[in-house]
C-alpha atoms as a PDB file:
ATOM      1  CA  MET A   1      85.502  68.367  51.470  1.00  0.00           C
ATOM      2  CA  ALA A   2      83.798  65.646  53.002  1.00  0.00           C
ATOM      3  CA  TRP A   3      86.006  62.554  54.531  1.00  0.00           C
ATOM      4  CA  THR A   4      85.807  59.540  52.368  1.00  0.00           C
ATOM      5  CA  ARG A   5      84.603  55.746  54.706  1.00  0.00           C
ATOM      6  CA  ASP A   6      87.402  54.963  55.279  1.00  0.00           C
ATOM      7  CA  GLU A   7      88.283  58.806  56.814  1.00  0.00           C
ATOM      8  CA  MET A   8      84.631  57.942  58.865  1.00  0.00           C
ATOM      9  CA  ALA A   9      86.133  54.466  59.810  1.00  0.00           C
ATOM     10  CA  ALA A  10      89.118  55.753  61.499  1.00  0.00           C
ATOM     11  CA  ILE A  11      88.389  58.466  63.147  1.00  0.00           C
ATOM     12  CA  ALA A  12      85.675  56.060  65.198  1.00  0.00           C
ATOM     13  CA  ALA A  13      87.810  53.518  65.468  1.00  0.00           C
ATOM     14  CA  GLN A  14      89.217  56.197  67.788  1.00  0.00           C
ATOM     15  CA  GLU A  15      86.598  55.991  70.586  1.00  0.00           C
ATOM     16  CA  LEU A  16      88.622  52.230  70.897  1.00  0.00           C
ATOM     17  CA  ARG A  17      90.538  51.196  73.900  1.00  0.00           C
ATOM     18  CA  ASP A  18      92.625  48.406  74.216  1.00  0.00           C
ATOM     19  CA  GLY A  19      90.642  45.746  75.095  1.00  0.00           C
ATOM     20  CA  ASP A  20      87.078  46.977  74.275  1.00  0.00           C
ATOM     21  CA  TYR A  21      84.502  43.726  72.970  1.00  0.00           C
ATOM     22  CA  VAL A  22      83.148  45.614  70.004  1.00  0.00           C
ATOM     23  CA  ASN A  23      80.473  45.214  67.634  1.00  0.00           C
ATOM     24  CA  LEU A  24      80.414  46.608  63.969  1.00  0.00           C
ATOM     25  CA  GLY A  25      76.992  47.388  62.440  1.00  0.00           C
ATOM     26  CA  ILE A  26      76.892  46.659  57.829  1.00  0.00           C
ATOM     27  CA  GLY A  27      78.247  49.269  55.991  1.00  0.00           C
ATOM     28  CA  ILE A  28      80.895  51.748  56.525  1.00  0.00           C
ATOM     29  CA  PRO A  29      80.980  50.547  60.874  1.00  0.00           C
ATOM     30  CA  THR A  30      82.754  47.131  59.157  1.00  0.00           C
ATOM     31  CA  LEU A  31      85.386  49.768  57.573  1.00  0.00           C
ATOM     32  CA  VAL A  32      86.700  50.520  61.116  1.00  0.00           C
ATOM     33  CA  ALA A  33      88.629  46.486  61.357  1.00  0.00           C
ATOM     34  CA  ASN A  34      90.797  48.225  58.672  1.00  0.00           C
ATOM     35  CA  ASN A  35      91.403  51.095  60.838  1.00  0.00           C
ATOM     36  CA  LEU A  36      92.785  50.247  63.804  1.00  0.00           C
ATOM     37  CA  PRO A  37      95.060  52.633  65.954  1.00  0.00           C
ATOM     38  CA  GLU A  38      98.468  51.099  66.049  1.00  0.00           C
ATOM     39  CA  GLY A  39      98.534  49.574  69.215  1.00  0.00           C
ATOM     40  CA  ILE A  40      95.145  49.493  69.916  1.00  0.00           C
ATOM     41  CA  HIS A  41      93.959  45.990  70.332  1.00  0.00           C
ATOM     42  CA  VAL A  42      90.512  45.592  70.289  1.00  0.00           C
ATOM     43  CA  THR A  43      88.095  41.933  70.054  1.00  0.00           C
ATOM     44  CA  LEU A  44      85.325  42.168  67.111  1.00  0.00           C
ATOM     45  CA  GLN A  45      82.165  40.514  67.751  1.00  0.00           C
ATOM     46  CA  SER A  46      80.039  39.645  65.565  1.00  0.00           C
ATOM     47  CA  GLU A  47      77.038  38.780  66.403  1.00  0.00           C
ATOM     48  CA  ASN A  48      76.882  35.920  63.599  1.00  0.00           C
ATOM     49  CA  GLY A  49      78.556  34.178  66.257  1.00  0.00           C
ATOM     50  CA  LEU A  50      82.087  35.399  66.106  1.00  0.00           C
ATOM     51  CA  LEU A  51      84.617  36.888  68.210  1.00  0.00           C
ATOM     52  CA  GLY A  52      87.908  37.993  66.995  1.00  0.00           C
ATOM     53  CA  MET A  53      87.261  38.975  64.170  1.00  0.00           C
ATOM     54  CA  GLY A  54      89.750  40.187  61.471  1.00  0.00           C
ATOM     55  CA  PRO A  55      90.624  43.013  58.322  1.00  0.00           C
ATOM     56  CA  PHE A  56      89.055  42.087  55.101  1.00  0.00           C
ATOM     57  CA  PRO A  57      90.696  39.585  53.115  1.00  0.00           C
ATOM     58  CA  PHE A  58      92.495  40.605  50.817  1.00  0.00           C
ATOM     59  CA  GLU A  59      91.634  39.704  47.171  1.00  0.00           C
ATOM     60  CA  GLY A  60      91.676  35.886  45.573  1.00  0.00           C
ATOM     61  CA  GLU A  61      92.037  34.809  49.885  1.00  0.00           C
ATOM     62  CA  GLU A  62      88.297  34.452  50.321  1.00  0.00           C
ATOM     63  CA  ASP A  63      86.629  31.725  52.462  1.00  0.00           C
ATOM     64  CA  GLY A  64      83.146  31.674  51.760  1.00  0.00           C
ATOM     65  CA  ASP A  65      82.386  30.263  54.811  1.00  0.00           C
ATOM     66  CA  LEU A  66      83.841  33.157  57.231  1.00  0.00           C
ATOM     67  CA  ILE A  67      81.424  36.808  56.803  1.00  0.00           C
ATOM     68  CA  ASN A  68      80.324  38.827  58.987  1.00  0.00           C
ATOM     69  CA  ALA A  69      76.581  40.113  60.160  1.00  0.00           C
ATOM     70  CA  GLY A  70      76.265  41.354  56.859  1.00  0.00           C
ATOM     71  CA  LYS A  71      77.528  38.476  54.636  1.00  0.00           C
ATOM     72  CA  GLN A  72      80.909  39.890  53.803  1.00  0.00           C
ATOM     73  CA  THR A  73      83.593  38.123  53.723  1.00  0.00           C
ATOM     74  CA  ILE A  74      86.325  39.030  56.800  1.00  0.00           C
ATOM     75  CA  THR A  75      89.269  37.284  58.741  1.00  0.00           C
ATOM     76  CA  VAL A  76      89.762  35.885  62.003  1.00  0.00           C
ATOM     77  CA  LEU A  77      92.091  36.608  64.420  1.00  0.00           C
ATOM     78  CA  PRO A  78      94.740  34.366  66.480  1.00  0.00           C
ATOM     79  CA  GLY A  79      92.768  32.664  69.084  1.00  0.00           C
ATOM     80  CA  ALA A  80      89.492  33.252  67.764  1.00  0.00           C
ATOM     81  CA  SER A  81      85.988  31.843  68.422  1.00  0.00           C
ATOM     82  CA  ILE A  82      82.887  30.634  66.573  1.00  0.00           C
ATOM     83  CA  PHE A  83      79.768  29.622  68.483  1.00  0.00           C
ATOM     84  CA  ASP A  84      76.106  29.903  67.857  1.00  0.00           C
ATOM     85  CA  SER A  85      73.603  33.356  67.915  1.00  0.00           C
ATOM     86  CA  ALA A  86      71.924  32.208  71.400  1.00  0.00           C
ATOM     87  CA  THR A  87      75.761  32.582  73.075  1.00  0.00           C
ATOM     88  CA  SER A  88      76.490  35.707  70.405  1.00  0.00           C
ATOM     89  CA  PHE A  89      73.034  37.972  72.224  1.00  0.00           C
ATOM     90  CA  GLY A  90      73.419  36.700  75.033  1.00  0.00           C
ATOM     91  CA  MET A  91      77.060  37.652  75.084  1.00  0.00           C
ATOM     92  CA  ILE A  92      75.165  41.722  74.027  1.00  0.00           C
ATOM     93  CA  ARG A  93      72.138  41.198  75.934  1.00  0.00           C
ATOM     94  CA  GLY A  94      74.709  40.962  79.182  1.00  0.00           C
ATOM     95  CA  GLY A  95      76.536  44.125  78.409  1.00  0.00           C
ATOM     96  CA  HIS A  96      79.668  42.229  77.481  1.00  0.00           C
ATOM     97  CA  VAL A  97      80.007  44.468  74.942  1.00  0.00           C
ATOM     98  CA  LYS A  98      81.422  47.424  75.632  1.00  0.00           C
ATOM     99  CA  VAL A  99      80.981  50.061  72.139  1.00  0.00           C
ATOM    100  CA  ALA A 100      78.792  49.191  68.626  1.00  0.00           C
ATOM    101  CA  ILE A 101      79.033  51.167  66.157  1.00  0.00           C
ATOM    102  CA  LEU A 102      76.428  51.455  63.701  1.00  0.00           C
ATOM    103  CA  GLY A 103      74.619  52.547  60.160  1.00  0.00           C
ATOM    104  CA  ALA A 104      71.728  54.755  60.339  1.00  0.00           C
ATOM    105  CA  MET A 105      68.346  55.612  58.361  1.00  0.00           C
ATOM    106  CA  GLN A 106      67.734  58.710  60.614  1.00  0.00           C
ATOM    107  CA  VAL A 107      69.201  59.487  64.241  1.00  0.00           C
ATOM    108  CA  SER A 108      67.375  62.537  66.283  1.00  0.00           C
ATOM    109  CA  SER A 109      68.479  65.470  68.511  1.00  0.00           C
ATOM    110  CA  ARG A 110      68.248  63.012  71.434  1.00  0.00           C
ATOM    111  CA  GLY A 111      69.525  60.110  70.197  1.00  0.00           C
ATOM    112  CA  ASP A 112      67.039  58.397  68.859  1.00  0.00           C
ATOM    113  CA  LEU A 113      68.074  55.389  66.129  1.00  0.00           C
ATOM    114  CA  ALA A 114      66.464  54.602  63.323  1.00  0.00           C
ATOM    115  CA  ASN A 115      68.077  52.008  61.266  1.00  0.00           C
ATOM    116  CA  TRP A 116      66.288  49.257  60.658  1.00  0.00           C
ATOM    117  CA  THR A 117      63.452  49.439  57.990  1.00  0.00           C
ATOM    118  CA  ILE A 118      62.203  51.955  56.245  1.00  0.00           C
ATOM    119  CA  PRO A 119      58.130  51.421  55.283  1.00  0.00           C
ATOM    120  CA  GLY A 120      56.885  49.734  52.601  1.00  0.00           C
ATOM    121  CA  LYS A 121      60.149  48.225  51.379  1.00  0.00           C
ATOM    122  CA  MET A 122      61.435  44.265  52.069  1.00  0.00           C
ATOM    123  CA  VAL A 123      63.666  43.662  54.609  1.00  0.00           C
ATOM    124  CA  LYS A 124      64.551  40.217  55.861  1.00  0.00           C
ATOM    125  CA  GLY A 125      64.881  41.125  58.953  1.00  0.00           C
ATOM    126  CA  MET A 126      65.499  43.479  62.150  1.00  0.00           C
ATOM    127  CA  GLY A 127      69.141  41.607  62.475  1.00  0.00           C
ATOM    128  CA  GLY A 128      70.796  42.773  65.772  1.00  0.00           C
ATOM    129  CA  ALA A 129      70.239  46.402  66.652  1.00  0.00           C
ATOM    130  CA  MET A 130      68.220  46.717  68.676  1.00  0.00           C
ATOM    131  CA  ASP A 131      69.761  43.973  71.257  1.00  0.00           C
ATOM    132  CA  LEU A 132      72.712  45.905  70.638  1.00  0.00           C
ATOM    133  CA  VAL A 133      71.606  49.429  71.020  1.00  0.00           C
ATOM    134  CA  ALA A 134      69.889  48.083  74.491  1.00  0.00           C
ATOM    135  CA  GLY A 135      72.774  46.376  75.772  1.00  0.00           C
ATOM    136  CA  THR A 136      76.012  48.052  75.248  1.00  0.00           C
ATOM    137  CA  PRO A 137      77.214  50.786  77.165  1.00  0.00           C
ATOM    138  CA  ARG A 138      78.055  53.086  74.369  1.00  0.00           C
ATOM    139  CA  VAL A 139      76.666  53.157  70.628  1.00  0.00           C
ATOM    140  CA  VAL A 140      78.084  55.833  68.057  1.00  0.00           C
ATOM    141  CA  VAL A 141      76.432  55.446  64.412  1.00  0.00           C
ATOM    142  CA  LEU A 142      78.445  56.027  60.420  1.00  0.00           C
ATOM    143  CA  THR A 143      76.434  57.566  58.606  1.00  0.00           C
ATOM    144  CA  GLU A 144      76.368  59.890  55.996  1.00  0.00           C
ATOM    145  CA  HIS A 145      75.358  63.020  57.054  1.00  0.00           C
ATOM    146  CA  VAL A 146      72.273  62.871  54.171  1.00  0.00           C
ATOM    147  CA  ALA A 147      69.984  60.798  52.541  1.00  0.00           C
ATOM    148  CA  LYS A 148      70.182  59.500  48.676  1.00  0.00           C
ATOM    149  CA  ASP A 149      67.145  62.274  48.310  1.00  0.00           C
ATOM    150  CA  GLY A 150      69.061  64.828  49.988  1.00  0.00           C
ATOM    151  CA  THR A 151      67.122  64.812  53.097  1.00  0.00           C
ATOM    152  CA  PRO A 152      68.846  64.835  56.332  1.00  0.00           C
ATOM    153  CA  LYS A 153      69.711  61.974  58.237  1.00  0.00           C
ATOM    154  CA  ILE A 154      69.995  63.534  61.249  1.00  0.00           C
ATOM    155  CA  VAL A 155      66.823  65.272  62.880  1.00  0.00           C
ATOM    156  CA  THR A 156      64.760  66.250  64.902  1.00  0.00           C
ATOM    157  CA  GLU A 157      62.363  63.282  65.119  1.00  0.00           C
ATOM    158  CA  CYS A 158      63.020  60.375  63.452  1.00  0.00           C
ATOM    159  CA  THR A 159      60.168  59.750  60.878  1.00  0.00           C
ATOM    160  CA  LEU A 160      60.860  56.411  60.748  1.00  0.00           C
ATOM    161  CA  PRO A 161      60.490  52.790  62.537  1.00  0.00           C
ATOM    162  CA  LEU A 162      63.404  52.761  65.774  1.00  0.00           C
ATOM    163  CA  THR A 163      65.734  50.999  66.662  1.00  0.00           C
ATOM    164  CA  GLY A 164      66.435  51.940  70.408  1.00  0.00           C
ATOM    165  CA  VAL A 165      65.023  55.762  71.729  1.00  0.00           C
ATOM    166  CA  ARG A 166      68.308  58.177  73.346  1.00  0.00           C
ATOM    167  CA  VAL A 167      70.597  55.676  72.616  1.00  0.00           C
ATOM    168  CA  VAL A 168      73.371  57.178  70.449  1.00  0.00           C
ATOM    169  CA  ASP A 169      76.304  58.420  71.893  1.00  0.00           C
ATOM    170  CA  ARG A 170      77.846  60.197  69.324  1.00  0.00           C
ATOM    171  CA  ILE A 171      77.432  60.635  65.306  1.00  0.00           C
ATOM    172  CA  ILE A 172      80.410  60.545  62.666  1.00  0.00           C
ATOM    173  CA  SER A 173      78.694  62.122  59.253  1.00  0.00           C
ATOM    174  CA  ASP A 174      81.626  62.666  56.017  1.00  0.00           C
ATOM    175  CA  THR A 175      81.639  65.979  57.292  1.00  0.00           C
ATOM    176  CA  ALA A 176      80.527  66.378  60.943  1.00  0.00           C
ATOM    177  CA  VAL A 177      81.357  65.133  64.948  1.00  0.00           C
ATOM    178  CA  PHE A 178      78.334  65.410  67.150  1.00  0.00           C
ATOM    179  CA  ASP A 179      77.718  64.381  70.357  1.00  0.00           C
ATOM    180  CA  VAL A 180      74.536  63.502  71.773  1.00  0.00           C
ATOM    181  CA  THR A 181      74.163  64.878  75.651  1.00  0.00           C
ATOM    182  CA  PRO A 182      71.652  65.583  77.250  1.00  0.00           C
ATOM    183  CA  THR A 183      71.050  69.192  76.226  1.00  0.00           C
ATOM    184  CA  GLY A 184      70.926  68.183  72.639  1.00  0.00           C
ATOM    185  CA  LEU A 185      73.393  68.118  69.919  1.00  0.00           C
ATOM    186  CA  VAL A 186      77.261  69.500  69.921  1.00  0.00           C
ATOM    187  CA  LEU A 187      79.121  69.696  67.366  1.00  0.00           C
ATOM    188  CA  ARG A 188      82.640  68.470  67.777  1.00  0.00           C
ATOM    189  CA  GLN A 189      84.698  68.755  64.488  1.00  0.00           C
ATOM    190  CA  ARG A 190      83.942  68.722  61.160  1.00  0.00           C
ATOM    191  CA  ALA A 191      85.538  67.948  57.767  1.00  0.00           C
ATOM    192  CA  PRO A 192      88.039  69.830  56.708  1.00  0.00           C
ATOM    193  CA  GLY A 193      86.757  72.676  53.785  1.00  0.00           C
ATOM    194  CA  VAL A 194      83.428  71.651  55.207  1.00  0.00           C
ATOM    195  CA  SER A 195      81.987  75.518  56.752  1.00  0.00           C
ATOM    196  CA  LEU A 196      79.342  75.809  59.011  1.00  0.00           C
ATOM    197  CA  GLN A 197      77.101  77.056  57.104  1.00  0.00           C
ATOM    198  CA  ASP A 198      77.336  73.753  55.570  1.00  0.00           C
ATOM    199  CA  ILE A 199      76.803  71.288  58.056  1.00  0.00           C
ATOM    200  CA  GLU A 200      73.534  73.841  59.540  1.00  0.00           C
ATOM    201  CA  ASP A 201      71.879  73.190  56.157  1.00  0.00           C
ATOM    202  CA  THR A 202      72.083  69.506  55.728  1.00  0.00           C
ATOM    203  CA  THR A 203      71.202  69.162  59.290  1.00  0.00           C
ATOM    204  CA  GLU A 204      67.596  69.058  60.739  1.00  0.00           C
ATOM    205  CA  ALA A 205      68.774  69.575  64.281  1.00  0.00           C
ATOM    206  CA  ALA A 206      69.558  71.941  66.433  1.00  0.00           C
ATOM    207  CA  PHE A 207      73.220  71.968  67.676  1.00  0.00           C
ATOM    208  CA  THR A 208      75.128  73.807  69.418  1.00  0.00           C
ATOM    209  CA  VAL A 209      79.320  74.396  68.770  1.00  0.00           C
ATOM    210  CA  GLY A 210      81.870  72.670  71.117  1.00  0.00           C
ATOM    211  CA  GLU A 211      84.964  73.818  72.306  1.00  0.00           C
ATOM    212  CA  THR A 212      86.427  71.722  70.668  1.00  0.00           C
ATOM    213  CA  ALA A 213      84.514  73.007  66.790  1.00  0.00           C
ATOM    214  CA  PRO A 214      85.632  75.065  64.763  1.00  0.00           C
ATOM    215  CA  VAL A 215      84.030  77.744  63.817  1.00  0.00           C
END
């Protein structure tokens, strides 16, 4: 049985350490804000100009002036600050954000990432992903294992326009967790009820099974 989006976000949240500055990408990564481990205090940054983002608001308590980079309404924590995008990107490009948790359209076996456009489809802009993968020490991808048409998202070579080359450190899908290593992908965990054969059938890229992953 595949993990739910919240379960995926909770797995990603285990990556975080007390005191980390973290950027959450659009889509599934935004759910990490609601799934932080107890006792772990991190500062969430949004590239549209916010430091100190909180969890999503309850229905009826939304403030339309408080949004993340995906234009979802959010909350802010005590001590939060709001600033212009130039300051925000200065933080990112200067390496002050420790972890970026991003979505993906494709990830290659080498950690190449494609997550900003599909040729022929309208895109409003590339957003901050290229800056994030270039300026952040650790990049974690949160994505469904296969696309809506059933094609693998974890591939040998990306065929979509790249966001960054060899930038992804870990991939968390709805069925598996992979580490990207110098020698290729290593399977670390799989969702309950998902067999190794299931993962092999839905993953284009070759991978090895790590010690922490059951066979």
